[in-house]
Amino acid sequence: MPADIVVLAVPVFSTLCNAAFRLRREVFVIEQHVPEEIEHDADDLTATHFVAIAAGEVVGTLRVVFKPEHAKIGRVAVDRDHRGHGIARAMMLAAMDHCRQQGVDRFYLAAQTDKLGFYEKLGFTAFGDEFMDAGIPHRSMRTYTQDD
């Protein structure tokens, strides 16, 4: 993890989580043109939210939704000015470690197709056909096989 980054799990609607929601809006709605009405969903109320903090500012976020079959990681976002410094990787590792401490070691996510290589380096494998989500090409990825 970059030395100046702290990754924390935060309660939904806490000050830090609200900062994460603002960052998600900046990245997904403004930058990537995801319709605002689908950016937040009911999973936000029950998800475990993670933030990456640098110099007192929330510079990254993701959420984990615990499903019966796996932990679903999503809404991974890093502030434009802080990309390329290992923040997303640090958040992913922290979130996966948190899940393992809860007894969950099967992970799923829907990755934007241009990010497949990033997730592959973390042990994810793409499966199924490419699909569109909010107008952006995605692939399903997981860290386990159907036989697990």
Protein backbone atom coordinates (compact mmCIF):
# COMPACT_ATOMS: atom_id res chain seq x y z
CA MET A 1 0.00 0.00 0.00
CA PRO A 2 1.32 3.49 -0.74
CA ALA A 3 2.82 4.82 2.49
CA ASP A 4 0.65 7.93 2.63
CA ILE A 5 -2.66 6.10 2.05
CA VAL A 6 -4.98 4.76 4.76
CA VAL A 7 -7.84 2.40 3.83
CA LEU A 8 -10.79 2.16 6.23
CA ALA A 9 -14.17 0.46 6.33
CA VAL A 10 -16.73 3.17 7.12
CA PRO A 11 -20.42 3.15 8.10
CA VAL A 12 -22.95 4.08 5.45
CA PHE A 13 -23.90 7.78 5.56
CA SER A 14 -21.02 8.63 7.87
CA THR A 15 -19.03 11.75 6.95
CA LEU A 16 -16.38 9.61 5.24
CA CYS A 17 -18.94 7.51 3.39
CA ASN A 18 -20.72 10.64 2.20
CA ALA A 19 -17.37 11.86 0.85
CA ALA A 20 -17.07 8.49 -0.92
CA PHE A 21 -20.53 8.98 -2.45
CA ARG A 22 -19.42 12.41 -3.73
CA LEU A 23 -16.32 10.80 -5.27
CA ARG A 24 -18.45 8.10 -6.90
CA ARG A 25 -20.67 10.81 -8.38
CA GLU A 26 -17.60 12.62 -9.75
CA VAL A 27 -16.12 9.48 -11.31
CA PHE A 28 -19.20 7.62 -12.50
CA VAL A 29 -21.83 10.29 -13.19
CA ILE A 30 -19.69 13.22 -14.32
CA GLU A 31 -16.64 11.49 -15.87
CA GLN A 32 -18.20 8.29 -17.20
CA HIS A 33 -21.75 9.59 -17.81
CA VAL A 34 -23.49 6.90 -15.76
CA PRO A 35 -27.10 8.02 -15.22
CA GLU A 36 -27.35 9.48 -11.72
CA GLU A 37 -30.50 7.52 -10.94
CA ILE A 38 -28.66 4.16 -11.25
CA GLU A 39 -25.39 5.13 -9.57
CA HIS A 40 -26.84 4.58 -6.08
CA ASP A 41 -28.96 1.54 -5.37
CA ALA A 42 -30.45 -0.39 -2.45
CA ASP A 43 -27.15 -2.25 -1.95
CA ASP A 44 -25.60 1.01 -0.68
CA LEU A 45 -27.70 0.65 2.48
CA THR A 46 -26.30 -2.78 3.40
CA ALA A 47 -22.85 -2.72 1.79
CA THR A 48 -19.58 -2.42 3.64
CA HIS A 49 -18.02 0.77 2.27
CA PHE A 50 -14.27 1.35 2.08
CA VAL A 51 -12.43 4.61 1.59
CA ALA A 52 -8.82 5.44 0.82
CA ILE A 53 -7.62 8.61 2.53
CA ALA A 54 -4.60 10.68 1.50
CA ALA A 55 -3.69 13.95 3.19
CA GLY A 56 -7.05 13.98 4.98
CA GLU A 57 -9.09 13.62 1.77
CA VAL A 58 -11.11 10.66 0.47
CA VAL A 59 -9.33 9.77 -2.78
CA GLY A 60 -10.77 6.31 -3.39
CA THR A 61 -13.75 4.15 -2.56
CA LEU A 62 -15.35 0.78 -3.15
CA ARG A 63 -18.12 -1.26 -1.61
CA VAL A 64 -18.62 -4.91 -0.72
CA VAL A 65 -22.03 -6.55 -0.78
CA PHE A 66 -22.17 -9.91 0.99
CA LYS A 67 -24.24 -12.43 -1.01
CA PRO A 68 -24.86 -16.06 0.00
CA GLU A 69 -22.46 -17.34 -2.68
CA HIS A 70 -19.71 -14.67 -2.56
CA ALA A 71 -18.69 -11.14 -1.68
CA LYS A 72 -19.52 -8.78 -4.55
CA ILE A 73 -17.04 -5.93 -4.90
CA GLY A 74 -18.17 -2.88 -6.79
CA ARG A 75 -18.23 0.86 -7.30
CA VAL A 76 -14.42 0.98 -7.30
CA ALA A 77 -13.44 4.61 -7.90
CA VAL A 78 -10.26 6.66 -7.50
CA ASP A 79 -10.02 10.42 -7.78
CA ARG A 80 -8.62 11.42 -11.18
CA ASP A 81 -5.60 13.20 -9.67
CA HIS A 82 -4.63 10.13 -7.59
CA ARG A 83 -4.82 7.37 -10.21
CA GLY A 84 -1.80 5.25 -11.00
CA HIS A 85 -0.45 5.24 -7.44
CA GLY A 86 -1.73 1.88 -6.19
CA ILE A 87 -4.83 3.20 -4.42
CA ALA A 88 -7.34 0.87 -6.10
CA ARG A 89 -5.04 -2.10 -5.45
CA ALA A 90 -4.67 -1.11 -1.77
CA MET A 91 -8.46 -0.82 -1.40
CA MET A 92 -9.08 -4.15 -3.12
CA LEU A 93 -6.56 -5.96 -0.91
CA ALA A 94 -8.00 -4.35 2.23
CA ALA A 95 -11.56 -5.25 1.23
CA MET A 96 -10.62 -8.84 0.38
CA ASP A 97 -8.73 -9.20 3.67
CA HIS A 98 -11.78 -7.84 5.53
CA CYS A 99 -14.01 -10.41 3.79
CA ARG A 100 -11.63 -13.25 4.61
CA GLN A 101 -11.76 -12.20 8.27
CA GLN A 102 -15.55 -12.63 7.98
CA GLY A 103 -15.03 -16.13 6.57
CA VAL A 104 -15.70 -15.23 2.92
CA ASP A 105 -13.05 -16.06 0.33
CA ARG A 106 -15.09 -16.13 -2.88
CA PHE A 107 -15.19 -12.81 -4.72
CA TYR A 108 -17.20 -11.55 -7.69
CA LEU A 109 -17.26 -8.26 -9.57
CA ALA A 110 -18.38 -6.76 -12.86
CA ALA A 111 -15.33 -5.04 -14.34
CA GLN A 112 -15.24 -2.40 -16.98
CA THR A 113 -13.61 -4.26 -19.88
CA ASP A 114 -10.61 -1.94 -20.03
CA LYS A 115 -9.82 -2.77 -16.38
CA LEU A 116 -9.66 -6.59 -16.76
CA GLY A 117 -5.86 -6.71 -16.48
CA PHE A 118 -5.93 -4.85 -13.16
CA TYR A 119 -8.33 -7.36 -11.62
CA GLU A 120 -6.52 -10.36 -13.16
CA LYS A 121 -3.39 -9.30 -11.23
CA LEU A 122 -5.49 -9.60 -8.05
CA GLY A 123 -6.51 -13.18 -8.87
CA PHE A 124 -9.79 -12.60 -10.72
CA THR A 125 -10.75 -14.49 -13.88
CA ALA A 126 -13.23 -13.18 -16.45
CA PHE A 127 -16.14 -15.38 -17.47
CA GLY A 128 -19.19 -15.08 -19.68
CA ASP A 129 -19.81 -12.65 -22.49
CA GLU A 130 -19.14 -8.94 -22.46
CA PHE A 131 -22.23 -6.94 -21.49
CA MET A 132 -23.19 -3.30 -21.31
CA ASP A 133 -23.83 -1.68 -17.94
CA ALA A 134 -24.71 2.03 -17.89
CA GLY A 135 -23.46 2.24 -21.49
CA ILE A 136 -20.00 0.87 -20.56
CA PRO A 137 -18.70 -2.57 -21.67
CA HIS A 138 -18.18 -4.96 -18.71
CA ARG A 139 -17.21 -8.56 -18.03
CA SER A 140 -18.08 -10.65 -15.00
CA MET A 141 -15.05 -11.75 -12.97
CA ARG A 142 -14.56 -14.07 -10.02
CA THR A 143 -11.82 -15.62 -7.92
CA TYR A 144 -13.34 -19.11 -7.85
CA THR A 145 -14.58 -21.74 -10.27
CA GLN A 146 -18.12 -23.02 -10.61
CA ASP A 147 -16.97 -26.22 -8.86
CA ASP A 148 -15.76 -24.43 -5.71
